[in-house]
Amino acid sequence: MSEIPGDLKFLKSHEWARVEDSGQVTVGISDHAQGLLGDLVYVELPNVGDSVTAGNACAVVESVKAASDVYSPVSGKVLAVNAALADKPETINEDAYGEGWLFVVQPDDADQLAELLSPDDYAELLDEEGH
C-alpha cells in the first residue's frame, strides 16, 4: 500500500481532503480506493459554483469494474474542478494524492473537517477492513 500523506483528512468512504493555506479544501479519492476500483475510464465532476453538502454524493468515478459515488467531506461551494480528468481519468490511478485531485471546495464551516479521519485513523480503518 502506498504511504498515506500526513496532511490529509479522510472519510470512511475513502475520499481525502487537504486544507490549503487559503482555507479551501481540495478533494480526491484515496490511493486505496483507486486500487479497489481498478483502471478508471470516466469521471463525472460537480460544476464550478455548485453547492455540495458534507456526506452527500457530488461526483462519480467509473472503472471497468464499477461506478462509485464520491462524497464531499465538507459543505460549501465548488471553486474548481480538475477538468483534465475528463480526457485522462487514469491520472487518479497514477497519482491519487496529487494530479488526480477531483475538485476544490470553499467550506461553509471549517469545523466539519474535525469530524474527518486522521491519516492514522484511516490506516487503522483499512487494517480493520482487511486491506
N, C-alpha and C. Protein backbone atom coordinates (compact mmCIF):
# COMPACT_ATOMS: atom_id res chain seq x y z
N MET A 1 0.85 -1.18 0.00
CA MET A 1 0.00 0.00 0.00
C MET A 1 0.89 1.24 0.00
N SER A 2 0.42 2.27 -0.67
CA SER A 2 1.22 3.49 -0.73
C SER A 2 1.15 4.22 0.61
N GLU A 3 2.07 5.13 0.80
CA GLU A 3 2.06 5.94 2.01
C GLU A 3 0.84 6.84 2.00
N ILE A 4 0.26 7.04 3.17
CA ILE A 4 -0.86 7.96 3.31
C ILE A 4 -0.29 9.31 3.73
N PRO A 5 -0.45 10.35 2.90
CA PRO A 5 0.11 11.65 3.26
C PRO A 5 -0.42 12.16 4.60
N GLY A 6 0.46 12.73 5.39
CA GLY A 6 0.11 13.16 6.74
C GLY A 6 -0.71 14.43 6.80
N ASP A 7 -0.83 15.16 5.68
CA ASP A 7 -1.56 16.42 5.71
C ASP A 7 -3.01 16.27 5.26
N LEU A 8 -3.48 15.03 5.14
CA LEU A 8 -4.84 14.79 4.64
C LEU A 8 -5.77 14.35 5.75
N LYS A 9 -7.06 14.56 5.52
CA LYS A 9 -8.12 14.01 6.35
C LYS A 9 -8.94 13.09 5.44
N PHE A 10 -9.64 12.13 6.03
CA PHE A 10 -10.34 11.13 5.22
C PHE A 10 -11.76 10.90 5.68
N LEU A 11 -12.60 10.51 4.72
CA LEU A 11 -13.93 9.98 5.01
C LEU A 11 -13.81 8.45 5.04
N LYS A 12 -14.72 7.80 5.75
CA LYS A 12 -14.72 6.33 5.77
C LYS A 12 -14.98 5.76 4.38
N SER A 13 -15.58 6.57 3.50
CA SER A 13 -15.86 6.13 2.13
C SER A 13 -14.68 6.35 1.20
N HIS A 14 -13.51 6.66 1.77
CA HIS A 14 -12.22 6.72 1.06
C HIS A 14 -11.95 7.99 0.25
N GLU A 15 -12.69 9.08 0.53
CA GLU A 15 -12.31 10.37 -0.04
C GLU A 15 -11.27 11.01 0.87
N TRP A 16 -10.41 11.85 0.27
CA TRP A 16 -9.46 12.62 1.09
C TRP A 16 -9.74 14.11 0.93
N ALA A 17 -9.34 14.86 1.95
CA ALA A 17 -9.48 16.31 1.95
C ALA A 17 -8.16 16.92 2.40
N ARG A 18 -7.69 17.88 1.64
CA ARG A 18 -6.47 18.61 2.00
C ARG A 18 -6.85 20.07 2.19
N VAL A 19 -6.61 20.61 3.38
CA VAL A 19 -6.89 22.02 3.64
C VAL A 19 -5.71 22.83 3.12
N GLU A 20 -5.99 23.72 2.18
CA GLU A 20 -4.96 24.57 1.61
C GLU A 20 -4.74 25.79 2.50
N ASP A 21 -3.66 26.51 2.28
CA ASP A 21 -3.36 27.70 3.08
C ASP A 21 -4.48 28.72 3.01
N SER A 22 -5.19 28.73 1.89
CA SER A 22 -6.29 29.69 1.69
C SER A 22 -7.54 29.32 2.48
N GLY A 23 -7.54 28.13 3.07
CA GLY A 23 -8.74 27.65 3.76
C GLY A 23 -9.62 26.80 2.85
N GLN A 24 -9.32 26.82 1.55
CA GLN A 24 -10.07 25.99 0.61
C GLN A 24 -9.68 24.52 0.82
N VAL A 25 -10.57 23.62 0.41
CA VAL A 25 -10.36 22.20 0.62
C VAL A 25 -10.31 21.49 -0.74
N THR A 26 -9.19 20.85 -1.01
CA THR A 26 -9.05 20.04 -2.22
C THR A 26 -9.48 18.61 -1.88
N VAL A 27 -10.25 17.99 -2.79
CA VAL A 27 -10.85 16.68 -2.53
C VAL A 27 -10.44 15.70 -3.62
N GLY A 28 -10.21 14.46 -3.21
CA GLY A 28 -9.92 13.38 -4.16
C GLY A 28 -10.32 12.06 -3.54
N ILE A 29 -9.99 10.97 -4.22
CA ILE A 29 -10.21 9.64 -3.63
C ILE A 29 -8.87 9.04 -3.27
N SER A 30 -8.86 8.19 -2.27
CA SER A 30 -7.60 7.66 -1.76
C SER A 30 -6.96 6.69 -2.75
N ASP A 31 -5.68 6.51 -2.56
CA ASP A 31 -4.96 5.55 -3.38
C ASP A 31 -5.55 4.16 -3.19
N HIS A 32 -5.98 3.86 -1.98
CA HIS A 32 -6.63 2.58 -1.70
C HIS A 32 -7.89 2.42 -2.56
N ALA A 33 -8.71 3.48 -2.61
CA ALA A 33 -9.96 3.43 -3.37
C ALA A 33 -9.71 3.21 -4.85
N GLN A 34 -8.74 3.95 -5.41
CA GLN A 34 -8.48 3.79 -6.84
C GLN A 34 -7.96 2.38 -7.11
N GLY A 35 -7.22 1.81 -6.16
CA GLY A 35 -6.72 0.45 -6.32
C GLY A 35 -7.84 -0.57 -6.34
N LEU A 36 -8.85 -0.37 -5.49
CA LEU A 36 -10.01 -1.26 -5.47
C LEU A 36 -10.81 -1.15 -6.76
N LEU A 37 -10.96 0.08 -7.25
CA LEU A 37 -11.77 0.29 -8.45
C LEU A 37 -11.08 -0.23 -9.71
N GLY A 38 -9.76 -0.15 -9.73
CA GLY A 38 -9.04 -0.55 -10.94
C GLY A 38 -8.94 0.62 -11.90
N ASP A 39 -8.68 0.31 -13.16
CA ASP A 39 -8.44 1.36 -14.16
C ASP A 39 -9.67 2.23 -14.36
N LEU A 40 -9.53 3.51 -14.04
CA LEU A 40 -10.65 4.43 -14.19
C LEU A 40 -10.80 4.85 -15.65
N VAL A 41 -12.05 4.86 -16.10
CA VAL A 41 -12.33 5.17 -17.51
C VAL A 41 -13.20 6.42 -17.67
N TYR A 42 -13.80 6.90 -16.57
CA TYR A 42 -14.70 8.04 -16.68
C TYR A 42 -14.82 8.71 -15.32
N VAL A 43 -14.88 10.03 -15.33
CA VAL A 43 -15.07 10.80 -14.10
C VAL A 43 -16.15 11.85 -14.36
N GLU A 44 -17.12 11.91 -13.47
CA GLU A 44 -18.16 12.94 -13.55
C GLU A 44 -17.97 13.86 -12.35
N LEU A 45 -17.65 15.11 -12.61
CA LEU A 45 -17.35 16.07 -11.55
C LEU A 45 -18.50 17.05 -11.36
N PRO A 46 -18.57 17.65 -10.18
CA PRO A 46 -19.57 18.72 -10.00
C PRO A 46 -19.19 19.91 -10.87
N ASN A 47 -20.08 20.87 -10.99
CA ASN A 47 -19.79 22.09 -11.75
C ASN A 47 -19.26 23.16 -10.81
N VAL A 48 -18.38 24.01 -11.33
CA VAL A 48 -17.92 25.16 -10.56
C VAL A 48 -19.14 25.99 -10.21
N GLY A 49 -19.25 26.39 -8.95
CA GLY A 49 -20.41 27.16 -8.49
C GLY A 49 -21.45 26.30 -7.80
N ASP A 50 -21.38 24.97 -7.98
CA ASP A 50 -22.33 24.08 -7.30
C ASP A 50 -22.12 24.15 -5.80
N SER A 51 -23.20 23.98 -5.07
CA SER A 51 -23.11 23.81 -3.62
C SER A 51 -23.07 22.31 -3.35
N VAL A 52 -22.17 21.89 -2.49
CA VAL A 52 -22.07 20.48 -2.10
C VAL A 52 -22.32 20.39 -0.60
N THR A 53 -22.81 19.23 -0.18
CA THR A 53 -23.12 19.01 1.23
C THR A 53 -22.27 17.88 1.77
N ALA A 54 -21.72 18.09 2.94
CA ALA A 54 -20.87 17.07 3.57
C ALA A 54 -21.61 15.74 3.64
N GLY A 55 -20.95 14.69 3.19
CA GLY A 55 -21.53 13.35 3.26
C GLY A 55 -22.43 13.00 2.09
N ASN A 56 -22.69 13.95 1.19
CA ASN A 56 -23.54 13.68 0.04
C ASN A 56 -22.70 13.43 -1.21
N ALA A 57 -23.21 12.58 -2.09
CA ALA A 57 -22.53 12.30 -3.35
C ALA A 57 -22.54 13.54 -4.22
N CYS A 58 -21.39 13.85 -4.83
CA CYS A 58 -21.33 15.03 -5.70
C CYS A 58 -20.49 14.77 -6.94
N ALA A 59 -19.93 13.58 -7.06
CA ALA A 59 -19.14 13.21 -8.23
C ALA A 59 -19.21 11.69 -8.37
N VAL A 60 -18.77 11.21 -9.54
CA VAL A 60 -18.75 9.77 -9.81
C VAL A 60 -17.43 9.42 -10.47
N VAL A 61 -16.83 8.32 -10.03
CA VAL A 61 -15.68 7.77 -10.73
C VAL A 61 -16.09 6.39 -11.22
N GLU A 62 -15.73 6.09 -12.45
CA GLU A 62 -16.17 4.85 -13.07
C GLU A 62 -14.96 4.09 -13.61
N SER A 63 -14.91 2.82 -13.28
CA SER A 63 -13.84 1.96 -13.79
C SER A 63 -14.47 0.87 -14.65
N VAL A 64 -13.63 0.01 -15.19
CA VAL A 64 -14.16 -1.10 -15.98
C VAL A 64 -14.96 -2.04 -15.08
N LYS A 65 -14.70 -2.00 -13.76
CA LYS A 65 -15.39 -2.89 -12.82
C LYS A 65 -16.69 -2.31 -12.28
N ALA A 66 -16.69 -1.00 -11.94
CA ALA A 66 -17.83 -0.44 -11.22
C ALA A 66 -17.83 1.08 -11.29
N ALA A 67 -19.00 1.64 -11.03
CA ALA A 67 -19.10 3.09 -10.84
C ALA A 67 -19.24 3.33 -9.34
N SER A 68 -18.63 4.39 -8.87
CA SER A 68 -18.64 4.66 -7.43
C SER A 68 -18.89 6.15 -7.20
N ASP A 69 -19.81 6.43 -6.28
CA ASP A 69 -20.07 7.82 -5.92
C ASP A 69 -18.90 8.38 -5.13
N VAL A 70 -18.67 9.66 -5.28
CA VAL A 70 -17.66 10.37 -4.49
C VAL A 70 -18.43 11.35 -3.60
N TYR A 71 -18.15 11.30 -2.30
CA TYR A 71 -18.86 12.11 -1.32
C TYR A 71 -18.01 13.30 -0.91
N SER A 72 -18.67 14.42 -0.71
CA SER A 72 -17.94 15.62 -0.29
C SER A 72 -17.64 15.55 1.21
N PRO A 73 -16.40 15.85 1.60
CA PRO A 73 -16.07 15.83 3.03
C PRO A 73 -16.60 17.05 3.79
N VAL A 74 -16.91 18.12 3.08
CA VAL A 74 -17.40 19.35 3.71
C VAL A 74 -18.51 19.95 2.85
N SER A 75 -19.34 20.76 3.50
CA SER A 75 -20.35 21.52 2.77
C SER A 75 -19.72 22.83 2.30
N GLY A 76 -20.12 23.26 1.12
CA GLY A 76 -19.60 24.53 0.61
C GLY A 76 -19.84 24.66 -0.87
N LYS A 77 -19.10 25.60 -1.47
CA LYS A 77 -19.25 25.90 -2.89
C LYS A 77 -18.04 25.38 -3.65
N VAL A 78 -18.30 24.74 -4.80
CA VAL A 78 -17.22 24.24 -5.64
C VAL A 78 -16.55 25.41 -6.36
N LEU A 79 -15.23 25.56 -6.13
CA LEU A 79 -14.48 26.67 -6.73
C LEU A 79 -13.74 26.24 -7.98
N ALA A 80 -13.36 24.97 -8.06
CA ALA A 80 -12.58 24.47 -9.19
C ALA A 80 -12.79 22.98 -9.33
N VAL A 81 -12.67 22.50 -10.56
CA VAL A 81 -12.70 21.07 -10.82
C VAL A 81 -11.49 20.72 -11.69
N ASN A 82 -11.07 19.50 -11.60
CA ASN A 82 -9.90 19.04 -12.36
C ASN A 82 -10.37 18.58 -13.74
N ALA A 83 -10.54 19.55 -14.64
CA ALA A 83 -11.08 19.27 -15.97
C ALA A 83 -10.20 18.32 -16.77
N ALA A 84 -8.91 18.25 -16.45
CA ALA A 84 -8.00 17.37 -17.18
C ALA A 84 -8.41 15.90 -17.04
N LEU A 85 -9.16 15.58 -15.98
CA LEU A 85 -9.57 14.18 -15.76
C LEU A 85 -10.57 13.71 -16.81
N ALA A 86 -11.27 14.63 -17.46
CA ALA A 86 -12.24 14.24 -18.48
C ALA A 86 -11.55 13.47 -19.61
N ASP A 87 -10.36 13.92 -19.98
CA ASP A 87 -9.61 13.26 -21.05
C ASP A 87 -8.67 12.19 -20.52
N LYS A 88 -8.35 12.26 -19.24
CA LYS A 88 -7.33 11.36 -18.70
C LYS A 88 -7.70 10.92 -17.28
N PRO A 89 -8.82 10.17 -17.12
CA PRO A 89 -9.23 9.75 -15.77
C PRO A 89 -8.21 8.86 -15.09
N GLU A 90 -7.35 8.21 -15.87
CA GLU A 90 -6.34 7.31 -15.28
C GLU A 90 -5.32 8.08 -14.44
N THR A 91 -5.32 9.42 -14.53
CA THR A 91 -4.45 10.23 -13.67
C THR A 91 -4.71 9.90 -12.21
N ILE A 92 -5.97 9.61 -11.87
CA ILE A 92 -6.31 9.25 -10.48
C ILE A 92 -5.59 7.96 -10.09
N ASN A 93 -5.52 6.99 -11.00
CA ASN A 93 -4.81 5.75 -10.72
C ASN A 93 -3.32 6.00 -10.51
N GLU A 94 -2.78 6.93 -11.27
CA GLU A 94 -1.34 7.18 -11.26
C GLU A 94 -0.89 8.07 -10.11
N ASP A 95 -1.75 9.01 -9.69
CA ASP A 95 -1.34 9.99 -8.68
C ASP A 95 -2.56 10.45 -7.88
N ALA A 96 -3.12 9.53 -7.09
CA ALA A 96 -4.38 9.80 -6.39
C ALA A 96 -4.29 11.00 -5.45
N TYR A 97 -3.12 11.23 -4.84
CA TYR A 97 -2.99 12.31 -3.87
C TYR A 97 -2.40 13.58 -4.47
N GLY A 98 -2.12 13.58 -5.76
CA GLY A 98 -1.53 14.76 -6.40
C GLY A 98 -2.35 15.23 -7.57
N GLU A 99 -1.85 14.91 -8.79
CA GLU A 99 -2.53 15.37 -10.01
C GLU A 99 -3.92 14.77 -10.18
N GLY A 100 -4.25 13.75 -9.41
CA GLY A 100 -5.56 13.10 -9.53
C GLY A 100 -6.64 13.71 -8.65
N TRP A 101 -6.40 14.92 -8.14
CA TRP A 101 -7.44 15.58 -7.34
C TRP A 101 -8.70 15.76 -8.16
N LEU A 102 -9.86 15.86 -7.49
CA LEU A 102 -11.14 15.96 -8.21
C LEU A 102 -11.71 17.38 -8.23
N PHE A 103 -11.86 17.99 -7.06
CA PHE A 103 -12.45 19.33 -7.02
C PHE A 103 -11.99 20.07 -5.76
N VAL A 104 -12.23 21.39 -5.78
CA VAL A 104 -11.87 22.26 -4.65
C VAL A 104 -13.14 22.93 -4.13
N VAL A 105 -13.29 22.92 -2.80
CA VAL A 105 -14.48 23.48 -2.16
C VAL A 105 -14.07 24.62 -1.23
N GLN A 106 -14.87 25.71 -1.24
CA GLN A 106 -14.75 26.73 -0.20
C GLN A 106 -15.72 26.32 0.89
N PRO A 107 -15.21 25.81 2.03
CA PRO A 107 -16.13 25.26 3.04
C PRO A 107 -16.97 26.34 3.73
N ASP A 108 -18.22 25.97 4.02
CA ASP A 108 -19.11 26.85 4.79
C ASP A 108 -18.71 26.84 6.26
N ASP A 109 -18.22 25.70 6.72
CA ASP A 109 -17.92 25.53 8.14
C ASP A 109 -16.67 24.66 8.28
N ALA A 110 -15.54 25.29 8.55
CA ALA A 110 -14.27 24.56 8.64
C ALA A 110 -14.29 23.54 9.78
N ASP A 111 -15.20 23.72 10.75
CA ASP A 111 -15.27 22.77 11.86
C ASP A 111 -15.63 21.36 11.38
N GLN A 112 -16.27 21.25 10.22
CA GLN A 112 -16.62 19.93 9.69
C GLN A 112 -15.37 19.08 9.47
N LEU A 113 -14.24 19.72 9.22
CA LEU A 113 -13.01 18.99 8.97
C LEU A 113 -12.57 18.20 10.21
N ALA A 114 -12.95 18.67 11.38
CA ALA A 114 -12.58 18.00 12.62
C ALA A 114 -13.26 16.64 12.74
N GLU A 115 -14.34 16.44 12.00
CA GLU A 115 -15.08 15.17 12.07
C GLU A 115 -14.47 14.10 11.17
N LEU A 116 -13.51 14.47 10.34
CA LEU A 116 -12.91 13.52 9.41
C LEU A 116 -11.82 12.70 10.09
N LEU A 117 -11.46 11.60 9.46
CA LEU A 117 -10.43 10.71 9.99
C LEU A 117 -9.03 11.27 9.75
N SER A 118 -8.16 11.12 10.74
CA SER A 118 -6.75 11.46 10.56
C SER A 118 -6.11 10.37 9.70
N PRO A 119 -4.91 10.62 9.16
CA PRO A 119 -4.23 9.57 8.39
C PRO A 119 -4.06 8.28 9.18
N ASP A 120 -3.74 8.38 10.47
CA ASP A 120 -3.57 7.18 11.30
C ASP A 120 -4.89 6.44 11.47
N ASP A 121 -5.97 7.20 11.71
CA ASP A 121 -7.28 6.56 11.85
C ASP A 121 -7.70 5.89 10.56
N TYR A 122 -7.38 6.53 9.43
CA TYR A 122 -7.73 5.95 8.13
C TYR A 122 -6.94 4.66 7.90
N ALA A 123 -5.66 4.66 8.24
CA ALA A 123 -4.84 3.45 8.10
C ALA A 123 -5.41 2.33 8.96
N GLU A 124 -5.88 2.69 10.16
CA GLU A 124 -6.49 1.71 11.06
C GLU A 124 -7.77 1.15 10.45
N LEU A 125 -8.58 2.02 9.84
CA LEU A 125 -9.80 1.58 9.17
C LEU A 125 -9.47 0.56 8.08
N LEU A 126 -8.45 0.83 7.29
CA LEU A 126 -8.06 -0.09 6.22
C LEU A 126 -7.62 -1.43 6.81
N ASP A 127 -6.90 -1.38 7.92
CA ASP A 127 -6.48 -2.62 8.59
C ASP A 127 -7.69 -3.42 9.05
N GLU A 128 -8.67 -2.72 9.63
CA GLU A 128 -9.89 -3.39 10.12
C GLU A 128 -10.65 -4.02 8.96
N GLU A 129 -10.64 -3.39 7.81
CA GLU A 129 -11.34 -3.93 6.64
C GLU A 129 -10.54 -5.05 5.98
N GLY A 130 -9.32 -5.27 6.49
CA GLY A 130 -8.51 -6.37 5.97
C GLY A 130 -7.76 -6.04 4.69
N HIS A 131 -7.42 -4.75 4.51
CA HIS A 131 -6.71 -4.37 3.29
C HIS A 131 -5.25 -4.21 3.57
